[in-house]
Amino acid sequence: MKRIAICCALALCLALTACAPALPPQPTLEELLAEVNAAHQAVQRPEVDAEQYLREGPDQETVARFTEGELTAFNSDAELTAAQAAEDVEYLFEAFRTLYGPYEYFGGDETFGAHKAELLAQLAEKDSWTAAEVQDLLLEGLRFFQDGHFNINGGKPNPPKVPFFFREAAFYKTEEGGYIREDGRRVASVDGCDDLDGLFKRSISQEGELVCYPVLLKEWTMTAQLQPCDEQLTVRYADGSAQTLTAEPFQRYSEEVDADNVTEYYKNGEIPVFALNMCDDAAADEADAAAIMVARAPVGMVDLRTNPGGSDLICNLWLRRYTHTERNNMYRNQYVMNVFSGPFSGADGWVENDGRVLIVLTGKRAASAAETFVDMAHNVENVLFIGENTSGAQVTSAAYHIQLPHSKCVVTMGYGLFVVPQDWDYYEELRGYEPDIWVPAAEAEELAVKWMKNLGAVGAPQE
């Protein structure tokens, strides 16, 4: 009887093995790098007619009239007459026309004039306004342009787009171009989705395997620490079954960053990690030393997940040192210009990386100069971006802080102009740069190291 039981158990095991789904094989690191390098090289810096955006710059006295003077506290309950509120609108749009870098890029006098007229008409609808009402009216009325730096009292007219991960089931892309669930069921369709390739993003499972998960980009309300997704996904399979997937709430990855930890260098197992938490040129020596250490390893990592920006000089310095390039400036896909003086010098090109792999960790907090690092690193061989899409603050900078005379709203606007390729899945203002491998930012380092270990590229990660 015991022999029969053993034979039955063995037969069952063999039957289950025979019925196990044949999942697509994991790509080797070399295969993945070849695919990613080709995608990165395909990005071309846009051809820009700079003349259409250039205009005469303001004199120092005019700049000072808008930007100098001590900022006073904003009182949301302060009362304004309709005439005072209208004066604030006139003042703001004069500042736009005088100082704002992307003014012509976003439509110039015709577009800005039309929206100013709409705001003035709305203000004439009642006799008095609170400062908070003026602020909210402006935020709503300025939604016609996308600028990740622009804000009024810290509020943005257009919210950034953040990722929602559906990780209840892992999927794999087949050689035929479709998607198969981990249990072997083939995806026939997803309700409301016409682009499965746009929905299913390459990711890393908790076991450190390369898989695909559905990822949706949604507007971030910025009102709650945890924002739930307002949509579920119904996946329909070829066998007639269906499954409803629920996303994890979005939470922006954030760690305390101060003047004492602008940079950090350490090793996670065999992988050297350089955390650039802020683009501060005062940390140039630390960054230079870290670039030398990371460059000595076959796999290195740069962490930009908490980096809100600063100066892009340190980004240029680090990548030049890491790649041993003698160029004064790294290649960019951005077309950069000062609309009052002309374009900056620069070139579009490719930098070889001597067989090394550089992993750049990204998150929704990575903005401005940190995104310039991402743009430059797209022109370096064997760079993998792992994490979330970045902030999406590239069209200009945060150069000026202007206080409106009556409501005391503080308006932040920039004078530069960055034209970034936006004709495919490379960059979009407020959406940011998309990673090569989508992982919640808080888990990006852990999962990237685990994946490298599974591929045999490095040894065991630290516990």
Protein backbone atom coordinates (compact mmCIF):
# COMPACT_ATOMS: atom_id res chain seq x y z
CA MET A 1 0.00 0.00 0.00
CA LYS A 2 2.84 2.36 0.87
CA ARG A 3 4.49 1.65 -2.51
CA ILE A 4 1.20 2.42 -4.29
CA ALA A 5 0.85 5.70 -2.40
CA ILE A 6 4.37 6.73 -3.33
CA CYS A 7 3.76 5.89 -6.97
CA CYS A 8 0.50 7.86 -6.98
CA ALA A 9 2.21 10.87 -5.41
CA LEU A 10 5.00 10.70 -7.99
CA ALA A 11 2.49 10.42 -10.82
CA LEU A 12 0.59 13.44 -9.50
CA CYS A 13 3.78 15.44 -9.24
CA LEU A 14 4.75 14.58 -12.81
CA ALA A 15 1.27 15.46 -14.02
CA LEU A 16 1.38 18.84 -12.31
CA THR A 17 4.82 19.48 -13.74
CA ALA A 18 3.59 18.59 -17.21
CA CYS A 19 0.65 20.98 -16.80
CA ALA A 20 2.79 23.88 -15.50
CA PRO A 21 2.59 26.82 -17.91
CA ALA A 22 5.54 27.49 -20.18
CA LEU A 23 6.42 31.07 -19.29
CA PRO A 24 8.63 33.19 -21.54
CA PRO A 25 12.30 32.97 -20.50
CA GLN A 26 13.91 35.78 -18.53
CA PRO A 27 16.04 37.98 -20.81
CA THR A 28 19.72 37.97 -20.04
CA LEU A 29 21.28 41.20 -18.84
CA GLU A 30 23.07 41.54 -22.18
CA GLU A 31 19.80 41.15 -24.09
CA LEU A 32 18.03 43.72 -21.93
CA LEU A 33 20.89 46.23 -22.17
CA ALA A 34 20.92 45.90 -25.95
CA GLU A 35 17.20 46.69 -26.07
CA VAL A 36 17.44 49.61 -23.63
CA ASN A 37 20.54 51.08 -25.28
CA ALA A 38 18.77 51.07 -28.64
CA ALA A 39 15.73 52.82 -27.12
CA HIS A 40 17.89 55.44 -25.42
CA GLN A 41 19.92 56.11 -28.56
CA ALA A 42 16.74 56.56 -30.56
CA VAL A 43 15.92 59.73 -28.58
CA GLN A 44 17.00 62.76 -30.58
CA ARG A 45 17.38 66.31 -29.37
CA PRO A 46 14.61 68.36 -31.03
CA GLU A 47 15.32 70.76 -33.84
CA VAL A 48 14.24 74.13 -32.47
CA ASP A 49 13.83 77.47 -34.22
CA ALA A 50 15.13 79.56 -31.33
CA GLU A 51 14.19 82.84 -32.98
CA GLN A 52 10.48 82.26 -32.35
CA TYR A 53 11.03 82.24 -28.58
CA LEU A 54 13.66 84.99 -28.25
CA ARG A 55 12.72 88.44 -27.03
CA GLU A 56 14.34 91.51 -25.56
CA GLY A 57 15.39 91.07 -21.98
CA PRO A 58 14.27 93.37 -19.17
CA ASP A 59 16.72 95.80 -17.56
CA GLN A 60 17.80 95.32 -13.97
CA GLU A 61 15.48 98.04 -12.73
CA THR A 62 12.47 96.25 -14.22
CA VAL A 63 13.55 92.90 -12.78
CA ALA A 64 14.01 94.50 -9.38
CA ARG A 65 10.54 96.06 -9.52
CA PHE A 66 8.99 92.61 -9.70
CA THR A 67 11.37 90.55 -7.61
CA GLU A 68 13.00 92.67 -4.91
CA GLY A 69 11.57 93.54 -1.52
CA GLU A 70 10.77 91.43 1.49
CA LEU A 71 7.96 88.92 1.01
CA THR A 72 5.11 89.36 3.47
CA ALA A 73 2.90 86.63 4.90
CA PHE A 74 -0.08 85.48 2.87
CA ASN A 75 -3.40 85.92 4.71
CA SER A 76 -6.00 83.76 3.01
CA ASP A 77 -8.86 85.65 4.71
CA ALA A 78 -7.74 89.14 3.63
CA GLU A 79 -10.46 91.07 1.77
CA LEU A 80 -9.83 92.65 -1.63
CA THR A 81 -12.08 94.80 -3.76
CA ALA A 82 -12.72 93.64 -7.28
CA ALA A 83 -10.57 96.51 -8.50
CA GLN A 84 -7.64 95.42 -6.31
CA ALA A 85 -7.96 91.82 -7.48
CA ALA A 86 -7.97 93.04 -11.08
CA GLU A 87 -4.79 95.04 -10.41
CA ASP A 88 -3.15 91.83 -9.17
CA VAL A 89 -4.09 90.08 -12.41
CA GLU A 90 -2.70 92.94 -14.50
CA TYR A 91 0.51 92.88 -12.43
CA LEU A 92 0.89 89.11 -12.84
CA PHE A 93 0.42 89.15 -16.61
CA GLU A 94 2.85 92.05 -16.93
CA ALA A 95 5.36 89.88 -15.05
CA PHE A 96 4.65 87.00 -17.42
CA ARG A 97 5.28 89.19 -20.46
CA THR A 98 8.43 90.72 -18.94
CA LEU A 99 10.15 87.84 -17.14
CA TYR A 100 8.66 84.44 -17.97
CA GLY A 101 10.98 82.30 -20.12
CA PRO A 102 8.36 80.08 -21.85
CA TYR A 103 6.04 83.03 -22.57
CA GLU A 104 6.26 82.68 -26.35
CA TYR A 105 6.53 78.88 -26.11
CA PHE A 106 3.10 78.80 -24.46
CA GLY A 107 1.45 81.13 -26.96
CA GLY A 108 2.68 84.66 -26.28
CA ASP A 109 0.47 87.76 -26.20
CA GLU A 110 -2.46 86.17 -27.99
CA THR A 111 -2.84 83.21 -25.63
CA PHE A 112 -1.92 84.97 -22.39
CA GLY A 113 -4.05 87.99 -23.32
CA ALA A 114 -7.13 85.83 -23.89
CA HIS A 115 -6.77 84.12 -20.51
CA LYS A 116 -6.14 87.43 -18.74
CA ALA A 117 -9.39 88.76 -20.22
CA GLU A 118 -11.26 85.69 -18.91
CA LEU A 119 -9.87 86.20 -15.40
CA LEU A 120 -10.74 89.90 -15.38
CA ALA A 121 -14.29 89.10 -16.51
CA GLN A 122 -14.67 86.62 -13.65
CA LEU A 123 -13.37 89.13 -11.11
CA ALA A 124 -15.99 91.65 -12.24
CA GLU A 125 -18.78 89.27 -11.25
CA LYS A 126 -18.72 90.38 -7.60
CA ASP A 127 -17.56 93.38 -5.57
CA SER A 128 -15.08 91.73 -3.19
CA TRP A 129 -12.81 88.72 -3.01
CA THR A 130 -10.73 87.03 -0.33
CA ALA A 131 -7.04 86.43 -0.99
CA ALA A 132 -7.72 82.68 -1.01
CA GLU A 133 -10.41 83.13 -3.67
CA VAL A 134 -8.01 85.14 -5.82
CA GLN A 135 -5.38 82.43 -5.43
CA ASP A 136 -7.81 79.68 -6.42
CA LEU A 137 -9.14 81.69 -9.34
CA LEU A 138 -5.63 82.18 -10.67
CA LEU A 139 -4.72 78.52 -10.27
CA GLU A 140 -7.80 77.49 -12.22
CA GLY A 141 -7.37 80.19 -14.86
CA LEU A 142 -3.71 79.32 -15.54
CA ARG A 143 -4.24 75.66 -16.37
CA PHE A 144 -3.62 76.46 -20.05
CA PHE A 145 0.16 75.94 -19.70
CA GLN A 146 2.12 73.01 -18.27
CA ASP A 147 5.04 74.05 -16.07
CA GLY A 148 6.24 71.85 -13.22
CA HIS A 149 8.10 74.70 -11.50
CA PHE A 150 5.36 77.32 -11.71
CA ASN A 151 3.31 77.70 -8.55
CA ILE A 152 1.21 80.15 -6.56
CA ASN A 153 1.77 79.90 -2.81
CA GLY A 154 3.12 76.40 -3.49
CA GLY A 155 0.00 75.26 -5.39
CA LYS A 156 0.21 74.23 -9.03
CA PRO A 157 -2.39 74.95 -11.73
CA ASN A 158 -1.91 71.43 -13.11
CA PRO A 159 -1.13 68.46 -10.85
CA PRO A 160 1.70 66.02 -11.61
CA LYS A 161 1.00 62.50 -12.82
CA VAL A 162 1.89 59.67 -10.46
CA PRO A 163 2.03 55.88 -10.96
CA PHE A 164 -0.39 53.34 -9.53
CA PHE A 165 0.92 49.77 -9.51
CA PHE A 166 -1.35 46.74 -9.91
CA ARG A 167 0.81 43.94 -8.49
CA GLU A 168 -1.74 41.30 -7.46
CA ALA A 169 -0.62 39.11 -10.38
CA ALA A 170 2.59 38.99 -12.41
CA PHE A 171 2.52 38.95 -16.21
CA TYR A 172 5.07 38.14 -18.89
CA LYS A 173 5.35 39.43 -22.43
CA THR A 174 5.34 36.63 -24.99
CA GLU A 175 7.50 36.37 -28.09
CA GLU A 176 4.34 37.02 -30.14
CA GLY A 177 3.83 40.33 -28.36
CA GLY A 178 0.92 39.41 -26.09
CA TYR A 179 0.83 38.97 -22.32
CA ILE A 180 0.49 35.82 -20.24
CA ARG A 181 -0.35 35.61 -16.53
CA GLU A 182 1.98 33.71 -14.20
CA ASP A 183 -0.52 30.81 -14.12
CA GLY A 184 -0.44 30.50 -17.91
CA ARG A 185 -3.66 32.33 -18.79
CA ARG A 186 -3.29 34.57 -21.83
CA VAL A 187 -4.59 38.13 -21.68
CA ALA A 188 -7.28 38.72 -24.29
CA SER A 189 -8.15 42.29 -23.30
CA VAL A 190 -8.39 44.77 -20.47
CA ASP A 191 -11.64 46.69 -20.16
CA GLY A 192 -11.25 50.29 -21.30
CA CYS A 193 -7.69 49.79 -22.57
CA ASP A 194 -6.74 49.80 -26.25
CA ASP A 195 -2.97 49.79 -25.68
CA LEU A 196 -1.77 46.78 -23.68
CA ASP A 197 1.88 47.69 -24.25
CA GLY A 198 1.22 51.09 -22.70
CA LEU A 199 -0.48 49.48 -19.70
CA PHE A 200 1.84 46.57 -18.91
CA LYS A 201 5.17 47.93 -17.70
CA ARG A 202 8.38 45.98 -17.21
CA SER A 203 8.96 45.59 -13.47
CA ILE A 204 10.72 43.45 -10.82
CA SER A 205 8.83 41.00 -8.62
CA GLN A 206 9.42 40.57 -4.89
CA GLU A 207 11.49 37.49 -5.82
CA GLY A 208 13.78 39.61 -7.98
CA GLU A 209 12.49 38.37 -11.35
CA LEU A 210 11.76 40.54 -14.37
CA VAL A 211 7.98 40.61 -14.89
CA CYS A 212 5.28 42.99 -16.11
CA TYR A 213 2.62 44.73 -14.02
CA PRO A 214 -0.16 47.06 -15.12
CA VAL A 215 0.70 50.65 -14.21
CA LEU A 216 -1.66 53.62 -14.58
CA LEU A 217 -0.63 57.26 -14.45
CA LYS A 218 -3.13 59.51 -12.67
CA GLU A 219 -3.21 63.10 -11.44
CA TRP A 220 -1.89 63.47 -7.91
CA THR A 221 -4.19 65.42 -5.61
CA MET A 222 -1.31 66.19 -3.19
CA THR A 223 -3.87 66.37 -0.37
CA ALA A 224 -3.26 63.01 1.30
CA GLN A 225 -0.15 61.02 2.15
CA LEU A 226 -1.74 57.91 0.66
CA GLN A 227 -3.79 58.45 -2.48
CA PRO A 228 -5.95 55.53 -3.64
CA CYS A 229 -6.42 54.86 -7.35
CA ASP A 230 -9.87 55.84 -8.61
CA GLU A 231 -9.97 52.93 -11.06
CA GLN A 232 -9.82 49.14 -11.01
CA LEU A 233 -8.77 46.99 -13.95
CA THR A 234 -10.74 44.07 -15.31
CA VAL A 235 -8.46 41.67 -17.17
CA ARG A 236 -10.17 39.21 -19.51
CA TYR A 237 -8.34 36.02 -20.45
CA ALA A 238 -8.47 33.87 -23.56
CA ASP A 239 -10.03 30.97 -21.61
CA GLY A 240 -13.08 33.10 -20.85
CA SER A 241 -12.17 33.90 -17.24
CA ALA A 242 -11.75 37.43 -15.87
CA GLN A 243 -9.97 39.08 -12.96
CA THR A 244 -10.40 42.46 -11.29
CA LEU A 245 -7.17 44.08 -10.12
CA THR A 246 -6.84 46.80 -7.48
CA ALA A 247 -3.88 49.19 -7.36
CA GLU A 248 -1.77 49.98 -4.34
CA PRO A 249 -2.25 53.55 -3.06
CA PHE A 250 0.37 56.04 -4.22
CA GLN A 251 2.73 57.45 -1.62
CA ARG A 252 5.54 59.75 -2.67
CA TYR A 253 8.89 58.39 -1.55
CA SER A 254 10.49 60.87 0.80
CA GLU A 255 13.34 60.89 3.26
CA GLU A 256 14.61 63.78 5.35
CA VAL A 257 17.33 65.63 3.46
CA ASP A 258 19.34 68.42 5.03
CA ALA A 259 22.68 70.15 4.57
CA ASP A 260 24.45 67.28 6.34
CA ASN A 261 23.36 64.51 3.96
CA VAL A 262 23.28 66.10 0.53
CA THR A 263 25.31 63.09 -0.63
CA GLU A 264 25.91 59.62 0.73
CA TYR A 265 28.16 56.81 -0.47
CA TYR A 266 27.88 53.20 0.69
CA LYS A 267 27.81 49.63 -0.65
CA ASN A 268 24.80 47.37 -0.87
CA GLY A 269 26.43 43.97 -1.12
CA GLU A 270 28.86 44.34 -3.99
CA ILE A 271 27.08 47.34 -5.53
CA PRO A 272 28.45 50.81 -4.72
CA VAL A 273 25.62 53.31 -4.23
CA PHE A 274 25.90 57.09 -4.54
CA ALA A 275 22.86 58.93 -3.19
CA LEU A 276 22.66 62.44 -4.63
CA ASN A 277 19.91 63.89 -2.46
CA MET A 278 20.25 67.45 -3.73
CA CYS A 279 22.12 69.04 -6.64
CA ASP A 280 24.34 71.25 -4.51
CA ASP A 281 27.63 72.37 -6.08
CA ALA A 282 29.14 72.57 -2.58
CA ALA A 283 29.14 68.77 -2.61
CA ALA A 284 31.26 68.59 -5.77
CA ASP A 285 34.26 66.99 -4.05
CA GLU A 286 32.14 64.23 -2.48
CA ALA A 287 30.41 63.62 -5.79
CA ASP A 288 33.71 63.46 -7.65
CA ALA A 289 35.13 60.90 -5.22
CA ALA A 290 31.96 58.80 -5.37
CA ALA A 291 32.00 58.79 -9.18
CA ILE A 292 35.51 57.31 -9.14
CA MET A 293 34.43 54.57 -6.70
CA VAL A 294 31.25 53.70 -8.62
CA ALA A 295 33.17 53.60 -11.91
CA ARG A 296 35.44 50.84 -10.55
CA ALA A 297 32.53 48.41 -10.14
CA PRO A 298 30.89 46.36 -12.92
CA VAL A 299 27.48 47.42 -11.52
CA GLY A 300 26.98 50.76 -9.78
CA MET A 301 24.00 52.76 -8.61
CA VAL A 302 22.97 56.42 -8.35
CA ASP A 303 19.98 57.27 -6.16
CA LEU A 304 18.01 60.38 -7.21
CA ARG A 305 14.74 59.45 -5.49
CA THR A 306 14.74 62.33 -2.98
CA ASN A 307 16.50 64.91 -5.17
CA PRO A 308 14.36 68.07 -5.77
CA GLY A 309 17.01 69.69 -7.96
CA GLY A 310 19.43 72.59 -7.67
CA SER A 311 22.40 73.12 -10.00
CA ASP A 312 22.97 70.84 -12.97
CA LEU A 313 26.74 71.49 -12.82
CA ILE A 314 27.21 68.70 -10.29
CA CYS A 315 25.25 66.31 -12.57
CA ASN A 316 27.55 67.12 -15.45
CA LEU A 317 30.62 66.72 -13.21
CA TRP A 318 29.55 63.33 -11.87
CA LEU A 319 28.72 61.78 -15.23
CA ARG A 320 31.88 63.10 -16.85
CA ARG A 321 33.99 61.59 -14.07
CA TYR A 322 32.09 58.29 -14.09
CA THR A 323 32.38 57.84 -17.87
CA HIS A 324 35.99 59.16 -18.08
CA THR A 325 34.87 61.54 -20.79
CA GLU A 326 36.98 64.58 -21.59
CA ARG A 327 34.03 66.58 -22.89
CA ASN A 328 33.31 69.82 -21.02
CA ASN A 329 29.60 69.02 -21.10
CA MET A 330 27.70 65.76 -21.25
CA TYR A 331 25.40 65.22 -24.19
CA ARG A 332 21.78 66.27 -23.69
CA ASN A 333 18.49 65.52 -25.35
CA GLN A 334 17.18 68.83 -24.01
CA TYR A 335 17.44 71.96 -26.14
CA VAL A 336 18.41 74.60 -23.59
CA MET A 337 18.17 78.33 -24.07
CA ASN A 338 17.87 81.66 -22.34
CA VAL A 339 15.08 83.42 -24.22
CA PHE A 340 16.70 86.80 -23.53
CA SER A 341 20.17 85.92 -24.84
CA GLY A 342 19.98 82.79 -27.01
CA PRO A 343 20.65 79.03 -26.91
CA PHE A 344 23.44 77.46 -24.89
CA SER A 345 26.08 75.34 -26.57
CA GLY A 346 25.50 71.63 -26.53
CA ALA A 347 25.39 68.52 -28.63
CA ASP A 348 23.48 65.29 -29.06
CA GLY A 349 25.66 62.16 -28.88
CA TRP A 350 26.48 58.86 -27.17
CA VAL A 351 29.06 57.93 -24.53
CA GLU A 352 30.35 54.38 -24.23
CA ASN A 353 30.58 52.86 -20.76
CA ASP A 354 33.31 50.18 -20.94
CA GLY A 355 31.01 47.26 -20.22
CA ARG A 356 29.80 48.63 -16.88
CA VAL A 357 26.17 48.92 -15.81
CA LEU A 358 24.86 52.03 -14.07
CA ILE A 359 21.48 51.81 -12.36
CA VAL A 360 19.78 55.16 -11.73
CA LEU A 361 16.99 55.06 -9.15
CA THR A 362 14.17 57.52 -9.83
CA GLY A 363 11.01 58.65 -8.07
CA LYS A 364 8.34 61.29 -8.28
CA ARG A 365 10.33 63.65 -6.07
CA ALA A 366 13.26 63.75 -8.51
CA ALA A 367 12.86 67.13 -10.21
CA SER A 368 14.53 69.94 -12.11
CA ALA A 369 18.33 69.50 -12.11
CA ALA A 370 17.93 65.87 -10.99
CA GLU A 371 15.90 65.36 -14.16
CA THR A 372 18.71 66.95 -16.15
CA PHE A 373 20.92 64.17 -14.72
CA VAL A 374 18.37 61.68 -16.09
CA ASP A 375 18.40 63.38 -19.50
CA MET A 376 22.21 63.36 -19.64
CA ALA A 377 22.42 59.75 -18.45
CA HIS A 378 20.11 58.66 -21.29
CA ASN A 379 23.08 59.36 -23.55
CA VAL A 380 25.39 56.95 -21.68
CA GLU A 381 25.67 53.29 -22.64
CA ASN A 382 24.34 50.60 -20.25
CA VAL A 383 22.30 52.89 -18.01
CA LEU A 384 19.10 51.42 -16.55
CA PHE A 385 16.50 53.68 -14.94
CA ILE A 386 14.60 51.83 -12.23
CA GLY A 387 11.79 53.28 -10.12
CA GLU A 388 8.96 55.70 -10.90
CA ASN A 389 8.50 58.45 -13.43
CA THR A 390 10.16 61.68 -12.33
CA SER A 391 8.51 64.95 -11.28
CA GLY A 392 8.28 66.60 -14.70
CA ALA A 393 9.74 70.05 -14.02
CA GLN A 394 11.92 70.77 -17.05
CA VAL A 395 10.34 73.40 -19.27
CA THR A 396 11.93 76.18 -17.20
CA SER A 397 13.37 76.81 -13.73
CA ALA A 398 12.24 78.38 -10.45
CA ALA A 399 14.20 81.61 -10.75
CA TYR A 400 11.83 84.38 -9.65
CA HIS A 401 9.49 84.82 -6.69
CA ILE A 402 6.97 87.60 -7.31
CA GLN A 403 4.44 88.84 -4.76
CA LEU A 404 1.17 90.28 -6.02
CA PRO A 405 0.55 93.70 -4.44
CA HIS A 406 -2.92 93.23 -2.92
CA SER A 407 -3.61 89.51 -2.38
CA LYS A 408 0.04 88.92 -1.43
CA CYS A 409 0.08 85.68 -3.43
CA VAL A 410 3.67 84.57 -4.07
CA VAL A 411 4.16 83.44 -7.66
CA THR A 412 7.20 81.38 -8.71
CA MET A 413 8.24 81.49 -12.37
CA GLY A 414 11.43 80.91 -14.37
CA TYR A 415 13.27 82.72 -17.15
CA GLY A 416 14.94 79.82 -18.99
CA LEU A 417 13.46 77.49 -21.60
CA PHE A 418 14.17 73.78 -21.92
CA VAL A 419 12.65 72.10 -24.96
CA VAL A 420 12.65 68.34 -24.32
CA PRO A 421 11.62 65.62 -26.81
CA GLN A 422 7.95 64.97 -26.05
CA ASP A 423 6.83 63.09 -29.16
CA TRP A 424 6.93 59.62 -27.55
CA ASP A 425 7.36 57.93 -24.17
CA TYR A 426 10.48 59.88 -23.23
CA TYR A 427 9.34 62.98 -21.38
CA GLU A 428 6.23 65.01 -20.67
CA GLU A 429 5.98 68.02 -18.36
CA LEU A 430 4.41 67.03 -15.02
CA ARG A 431 4.62 63.35 -15.99
CA GLY A 432 8.41 63.40 -16.14
CA TYR A 433 10.87 60.89 -17.56
CA GLU A 434 9.70 57.31 -17.60
CA PRO A 435 11.96 54.59 -16.15
CA ASP A 436 13.06 51.51 -18.07
CA ILE A 437 11.83 49.30 -15.23
CA TRP A 438 8.83 50.43 -13.17
CA VAL A 439 9.06 49.80 -9.40
CA PRO A 440 7.58 51.77 -6.47
CA ALA A 441 10.35 54.18 -5.49
CA ALA A 442 10.52 52.98 -1.89
CA GLU A 443 11.41 49.45 -3.10
CA ALA A 444 13.62 50.36 -6.05
CA GLU A 445 17.04 49.81 -4.48
CA GLU A 446 16.13 46.56 -2.75
CA LEU A 447 14.53 45.02 -5.83
CA ALA A 448 17.25 46.22 -8.21
CA VAL A 449 19.95 44.61 -6.06
CA LYS A 450 17.94 41.39 -5.76
CA TRP A 451 17.47 41.30 -9.54
CA MET A 452 21.20 41.84 -10.15
CA LYS A 453 21.94 39.00 -7.73
CA ASN A 454 19.53 36.66 -9.52
CA LEU A 455 21.18 37.48 -12.83
CA GLY A 456 24.57 36.64 -11.34
CA ALA A 457 25.86 40.15 -12.01
CA VAL A 458 26.72 40.70 -8.32
CA GLY A 459 26.90 38.77 -5.07
CA ALA A 460 24.39 38.70 -2.24
CA PRO A 461 22.88 41.99 -1.04
CA GLN A 462 23.34 43.13 2.54
CA GLU A 463 20.68 42.01 4.98
